[in-house]
Amino acid sequence: MLHHSLIVVTTTFPDRESAKTVASILVDTRLAACVHVGEDVVSWYRWNETVHVDHEVVVTIKAIPEHHDALYQCVCNHHPYETPQWVVVQASTSADYGAWMRHETRS
């Protein structure tokens, strides 16, 4: 049985240390059940009319939908970028994993 009780957020950080700091804050405050600090990637993007090519760290955050706004605010408050990437996908999960997530993100 699947539940639609999961959001998966993808963002990037300029370095592993800032990514790990925010991951720790999100799990410690129970805003996220799990945060993956992934591999380094090379990103091409336009910022202030200039094309940039930077090394970044991909971070995946798994949380419950009810925490979206607080999660976003927390990440923005601790993120070194002026405008952090914020891509949210609604996902389905098993009943057991969904129950674990709800338990780990309880207030």
N, C-alpha and C. Protein backbone atom coordinates (compact mmCIF):
# COMPACT_ATOMS: atom_id res chain seq x y z
N MET A 1 0.85 -1.18 0.00
CA MET A 1 0.00 0.00 0.00
C MET A 1 0.89 1.24 0.00
N LEU A 2 0.57 2.21 -0.85
CA LEU A 2 1.36 3.43 -0.95
C LEU A 2 0.63 4.61 -0.33
N HIS A 3 1.42 5.50 0.24
CA HIS A 3 0.90 6.75 0.80
C HIS A 3 1.54 7.89 0.04
N HIS A 4 0.80 8.97 -0.14
CA HIS A 4 1.36 10.17 -0.78
C HIS A 4 1.73 11.15 0.33
N SER A 5 2.70 10.77 1.13
CA SER A 5 3.02 11.57 2.31
C SER A 5 4.47 12.04 2.33
N LEU A 6 5.04 12.16 1.15
CA LEU A 6 6.46 12.45 1.09
C LEU A 6 6.72 13.56 0.08
N ILE A 7 7.56 14.52 0.46
CA ILE A 7 8.10 15.44 -0.53
C ILE A 7 9.60 15.18 -0.62
N VAL A 8 10.11 15.29 -1.82
CA VAL A 8 11.53 15.14 -2.06
C VAL A 8 12.01 16.47 -2.63
N VAL A 9 12.91 17.11 -1.90
CA VAL A 9 13.43 18.41 -2.30
C VAL A 9 14.86 18.23 -2.78
N THR A 10 15.18 18.83 -3.91
CA THR A 10 16.55 18.83 -4.41
C THR A 10 17.08 20.25 -4.38
N THR A 11 18.27 20.40 -3.83
CA THR A 11 18.94 21.69 -3.79
C THR A 11 20.43 21.44 -3.99
N THR A 12 21.19 22.50 -4.10
CA THR A 12 22.64 22.38 -4.24
C THR A 12 23.32 23.34 -3.29
N PHE A 13 24.56 23.00 -2.93
CA PHE A 13 25.38 23.84 -2.07
C PHE A 13 26.74 24.02 -2.73
N PRO A 14 27.44 25.09 -2.38
CA PRO A 14 28.74 25.33 -3.00
C PRO A 14 29.84 24.40 -2.50
N ASP A 15 29.60 23.76 -1.35
CA ASP A 15 30.64 22.89 -0.78
C ASP A 15 30.00 21.88 0.16
N ARG A 16 30.73 20.82 0.43
CA ARG A 16 30.25 19.72 1.26
C ARG A 16 30.00 20.16 2.71
N GLU A 17 30.83 21.02 3.25
CA GLU A 17 30.67 21.43 4.65
C GLU A 17 29.36 22.18 4.88
N SER A 18 29.02 23.13 4.02
CA SER A 18 27.76 23.86 4.19
C SER A 18 26.58 22.92 3.99
N ALA A 19 26.69 21.97 3.07
CA ALA A 19 25.62 20.98 2.86
C ALA A 19 25.42 20.12 4.10
N LYS A 20 26.52 19.65 4.69
CA LYS A 20 26.43 18.82 5.89
C LYS A 20 25.88 19.60 7.08
N THR A 21 26.23 20.86 7.19
CA THR A 21 25.71 21.70 8.28
C THR A 21 24.19 21.82 8.20
N VAL A 22 23.68 22.13 7.01
CA VAL A 22 22.23 22.27 6.85
C VAL A 22 21.54 20.92 7.01
N ALA A 23 22.13 19.85 6.50
CA ALA A 23 21.55 18.51 6.68
C ALA A 23 21.38 18.19 8.16
N SER A 24 22.40 18.49 8.93
CA SER A 24 22.34 18.23 10.37
C SER A 24 21.24 19.04 11.04
N ILE A 25 21.13 20.30 10.68
CA ILE A 25 20.09 21.17 11.26
C ILE A 25 18.70 20.62 10.93
N LEU A 26 18.49 20.21 9.68
CA LEU A 26 17.17 19.74 9.26
C LEU A 26 16.75 18.47 9.99
N VAL A 27 17.70 17.55 10.19
CA VAL A 27 17.36 16.30 10.89
C VAL A 27 17.25 16.57 12.40
N ASP A 28 18.15 17.37 12.95
CA ASP A 28 18.11 17.66 14.39
C ASP A 28 16.81 18.37 14.80
N THR A 29 16.29 19.23 13.94
CA THR A 29 15.06 19.96 14.24
C THR A 29 13.81 19.20 13.81
N ARG A 30 14.00 18.02 13.23
CA ARG A 30 12.91 17.16 12.77
C ARG A 30 12.10 17.75 11.63
N LEU A 31 12.68 18.69 10.89
CA LEU A 31 12.02 19.20 9.69
C LEU A 31 12.14 18.22 8.53
N ALA A 32 13.16 17.38 8.56
CA ALA A 32 13.36 16.36 7.53
C ALA A 32 13.62 15.02 8.21
N ALA A 33 13.12 13.97 7.59
CA ALA A 33 13.37 12.62 8.12
C ALA A 33 14.74 12.13 7.68
N CYS A 34 15.17 12.56 6.50
CA CYS A 34 16.43 12.07 5.94
C CYS A 34 16.96 13.12 4.97
N VAL A 35 18.26 13.30 4.97
CA VAL A 35 18.90 14.21 4.02
C VAL A 35 20.11 13.48 3.43
N HIS A 36 20.16 13.42 2.13
CA HIS A 36 21.31 12.83 1.43
C HIS A 36 22.21 13.95 0.94
N VAL A 37 23.45 13.92 1.34
CA VAL A 37 24.45 14.83 0.80
C VAL A 37 25.17 14.02 -0.27
N GLY A 38 24.92 14.37 -1.51
CA GLY A 38 25.38 13.55 -2.62
C GLY A 38 26.75 13.92 -3.13
N GLU A 39 26.96 13.55 -4.35
CA GLU A 39 28.25 13.75 -5.01
C GLU A 39 28.40 15.16 -5.53
N ASP A 40 29.63 15.50 -5.85
CA ASP A 40 29.90 16.78 -6.48
C ASP A 40 29.44 16.73 -7.93
N VAL A 41 28.90 17.84 -8.40
CA VAL A 41 28.48 17.98 -9.78
C VAL A 41 29.04 19.28 -10.33
N VAL A 42 29.04 19.43 -11.62
CA VAL A 42 29.40 20.69 -12.25
C VAL A 42 28.12 21.28 -12.82
N SER A 43 27.80 22.49 -12.40
CA SER A 43 26.57 23.15 -12.82
C SER A 43 26.87 24.31 -13.76
N TRP A 44 26.12 24.38 -14.83
CA TRP A 44 26.15 25.52 -15.75
C TRP A 44 24.84 26.26 -15.55
N TYR A 45 24.91 27.56 -15.32
CA TYR A 45 23.70 28.35 -15.13
C TYR A 45 23.99 29.82 -15.40
N ARG A 46 22.93 30.56 -15.63
CA ARG A 46 23.06 31.99 -15.84
C ARG A 46 22.62 32.72 -14.57
N TRP A 47 23.46 33.62 -14.10
CA TRP A 47 23.15 34.42 -12.91
C TRP A 47 23.59 35.85 -13.18
N ASN A 48 22.67 36.78 -13.03
CA ASN A 48 22.95 38.20 -13.30
C ASN A 48 23.55 38.39 -14.69
N GLU A 49 22.94 37.71 -15.66
CA GLU A 49 23.30 37.85 -17.08
C GLU A 49 24.68 37.31 -17.43
N THR A 50 25.26 36.52 -16.54
CA THR A 50 26.56 35.91 -16.81
C THR A 50 26.43 34.40 -16.64
N VAL A 51 26.99 33.65 -17.58
CA VAL A 51 26.99 32.19 -17.47
C VAL A 51 28.10 31.78 -16.51
N HIS A 52 27.74 30.94 -15.55
CA HIS A 52 28.69 30.43 -14.56
C HIS A 52 28.83 28.93 -14.72
N VAL A 53 29.99 28.42 -14.42
CA VAL A 53 30.25 26.98 -14.34
C VAL A 53 30.91 26.75 -12.99
N ASP A 54 30.18 26.07 -12.09
CA ASP A 54 30.66 25.90 -10.72
C ASP A 54 30.54 24.45 -10.27
N HIS A 55 31.40 24.06 -9.37
CA HIS A 55 31.29 22.77 -8.70
C HIS A 55 30.31 22.95 -7.53
N GLU A 56 29.37 22.03 -7.42
CA GLU A 56 28.38 22.09 -6.34
C GLU A 56 28.17 20.69 -5.78
N VAL A 57 27.48 20.64 -4.66
CA VAL A 57 27.11 19.38 -4.02
C VAL A 57 25.58 19.28 -4.06
N VAL A 58 25.07 18.16 -4.57
CA VAL A 58 23.63 17.95 -4.64
C VAL A 58 23.13 17.41 -3.30
N VAL A 59 22.04 17.98 -2.82
CA VAL A 59 21.43 17.56 -1.56
C VAL A 59 19.98 17.20 -1.83
N THR A 60 19.57 16.03 -1.33
CA THR A 60 18.19 15.57 -1.45
C THR A 60 17.60 15.48 -0.06
N ILE A 61 16.46 16.13 0.12
CA ILE A 61 15.80 16.20 1.42
C ILE A 61 14.47 15.46 1.33
N LYS A 62 14.21 14.55 2.28
CA LYS A 62 12.93 13.84 2.33
C LYS A 62 12.19 14.30 3.58
N ALA A 63 10.97 14.77 3.36
CA ALA A 63 10.19 15.34 4.45
C ALA A 63 8.71 15.13 4.19
N ILE A 64 7.90 15.51 5.16
CA ILE A 64 6.45 15.43 5.00
C ILE A 64 5.96 16.78 4.45
N PRO A 65 4.89 16.76 3.67
CA PRO A 65 4.40 17.99 3.04
C PRO A 65 4.08 19.11 4.03
N GLU A 66 3.60 18.75 5.20
CA GLU A 66 3.23 19.77 6.20
C GLU A 66 4.42 20.61 6.64
N HIS A 67 5.63 20.11 6.47
CA HIS A 67 6.83 20.85 6.88
C HIS A 67 7.44 21.69 5.77
N HIS A 68 6.81 21.70 4.60
CA HIS A 68 7.42 22.38 3.45
C HIS A 68 7.82 23.82 3.75
N ASP A 69 6.91 24.63 4.24
CA ASP A 69 7.21 26.05 4.43
C ASP A 69 8.32 26.28 5.46
N ALA A 70 8.25 25.57 6.57
CA ALA A 70 9.30 25.70 7.60
C ALA A 70 10.63 25.16 7.10
N LEU A 71 10.58 24.09 6.33
CA LEU A 71 11.78 23.51 5.74
C LEU A 71 12.45 24.51 4.80
N TYR A 72 11.66 25.12 3.93
CA TYR A 72 12.18 26.11 2.98
C TYR A 72 12.80 27.29 3.73
N GLN A 73 12.12 27.78 4.73
CA GLN A 73 12.64 28.92 5.49
C GLN A 73 13.95 28.57 6.19
N CYS A 74 14.02 27.40 6.77
CA CYS A 74 15.24 26.96 7.46
C CYS A 74 16.40 26.86 6.48
N VAL A 75 16.17 26.24 5.33
CA VAL A 75 17.24 26.12 4.34
C VAL A 75 17.69 27.50 3.89
N CYS A 76 16.75 28.38 3.59
CA CYS A 76 17.12 29.74 3.14
C CYS A 76 17.90 30.49 4.22
N ASN A 77 17.53 30.30 5.47
CA ASN A 77 18.21 31.00 6.57
C ASN A 77 19.66 30.54 6.75
N HIS A 78 19.96 29.31 6.35
CA HIS A 78 21.30 28.76 6.56
C HIS A 78 22.09 28.53 5.28
N HIS A 79 21.51 28.87 4.16
CA HIS A 79 22.13 28.60 2.86
C HIS A 79 23.03 29.75 2.45
N PRO A 80 24.21 29.46 1.92
CA PRO A 80 25.11 30.55 1.52
C PRO A 80 24.69 31.27 0.23
N TYR A 81 23.79 30.68 -0.56
CA TYR A 81 23.36 31.32 -1.80
C TYR A 81 22.24 32.33 -1.54
N GLU A 82 22.23 33.37 -2.32
CA GLU A 82 21.16 34.36 -2.26
C GLU A 82 19.81 33.74 -2.64
N THR A 83 19.83 32.91 -3.67
CA THR A 83 18.62 32.24 -4.14
C THR A 83 18.93 30.75 -4.33
N PRO A 84 18.71 29.94 -3.29
CA PRO A 84 19.03 28.52 -3.42
C PRO A 84 18.07 27.81 -4.38
N GLN A 85 18.60 26.80 -5.05
CA GLN A 85 17.73 25.93 -5.85
C GLN A 85 16.73 25.29 -4.90
N TRP A 86 15.47 25.19 -5.34
CA TRP A 86 14.43 24.56 -4.53
C TRP A 86 13.46 23.87 -5.47
N VAL A 87 13.65 22.58 -5.67
CA VAL A 87 12.78 21.80 -6.54
C VAL A 87 12.11 20.74 -5.68
N VAL A 88 10.77 20.77 -5.66
CA VAL A 88 10.00 19.87 -4.80
C VAL A 88 9.17 18.92 -5.65
N VAL A 89 9.23 17.64 -5.31
CA VAL A 89 8.44 16.61 -6.00
C VAL A 89 7.62 15.87 -4.95
N GLN A 90 6.34 15.71 -5.21
CA GLN A 90 5.50 14.87 -4.36
C GLN A 90 5.80 13.41 -4.73
N ALA A 91 5.94 12.57 -3.74
CA ALA A 91 6.27 11.16 -4.01
C ALA A 91 5.39 10.25 -3.17
N SER A 92 5.29 9.03 -3.62
CA SER A 92 4.58 7.99 -2.88
C SER A 92 5.61 7.14 -2.17
N THR A 93 5.20 6.60 -1.04
CA THR A 93 6.10 5.75 -0.27
C THR A 93 5.29 4.62 0.36
N SER A 94 5.98 3.61 0.82
CA SER A 94 5.30 2.50 1.50
C SER A 94 4.72 2.98 2.82
N ALA A 95 3.76 2.23 3.32
CA ALA A 95 3.14 2.57 4.60
C ALA A 95 4.17 2.57 5.73
N ASP A 96 5.06 1.59 5.73
CA ASP A 96 6.07 1.50 6.79
C ASP A 96 7.04 2.68 6.75
N TYR A 97 7.52 3.01 5.55
CA TYR A 97 8.46 4.14 5.42
C TYR A 97 7.75 5.45 5.76
N GLY A 98 6.51 5.59 5.30
CA GLY A 98 5.72 6.79 5.63
C GLY A 98 5.52 6.95 7.13
N ALA A 99 5.26 5.83 7.82
CA ALA A 99 5.09 5.87 9.28
C ALA A 99 6.40 6.26 9.95
N TRP A 100 7.51 5.71 9.46
CA TRP A 100 8.82 6.08 10.01
C TRP A 100 9.08 7.57 9.83
N MET A 101 8.77 8.10 8.63
CA MET A 101 8.97 9.53 8.36
C MET A 101 8.13 10.39 9.31
N ARG A 102 6.88 10.03 9.47
CA ARG A 102 6.00 10.80 10.37
C ARG A 102 6.54 10.75 11.80
N HIS A 103 7.03 9.59 12.23
CA HIS A 103 7.58 9.47 13.58
C HIS A 103 8.82 10.36 13.73
N GLU A 104 9.69 10.36 12.74
CA GLU A 104 10.95 11.12 12.83
C GLU A 104 10.76 12.62 12.65
N THR A 105 9.63 13.05 12.11
CA THR A 105 9.39 14.48 11.89
C THR A 105 8.30 15.02 12.80
N ARG A 106 7.98 14.28 13.83
CA ARG A 106 6.93 14.75 14.76
C ARG A 106 7.43 15.98 15.51
N SER A 107 6.50 16.78 15.91
CA SER A 107 6.85 18.01 16.63
C SER A 107 7.22 17.73 18.06
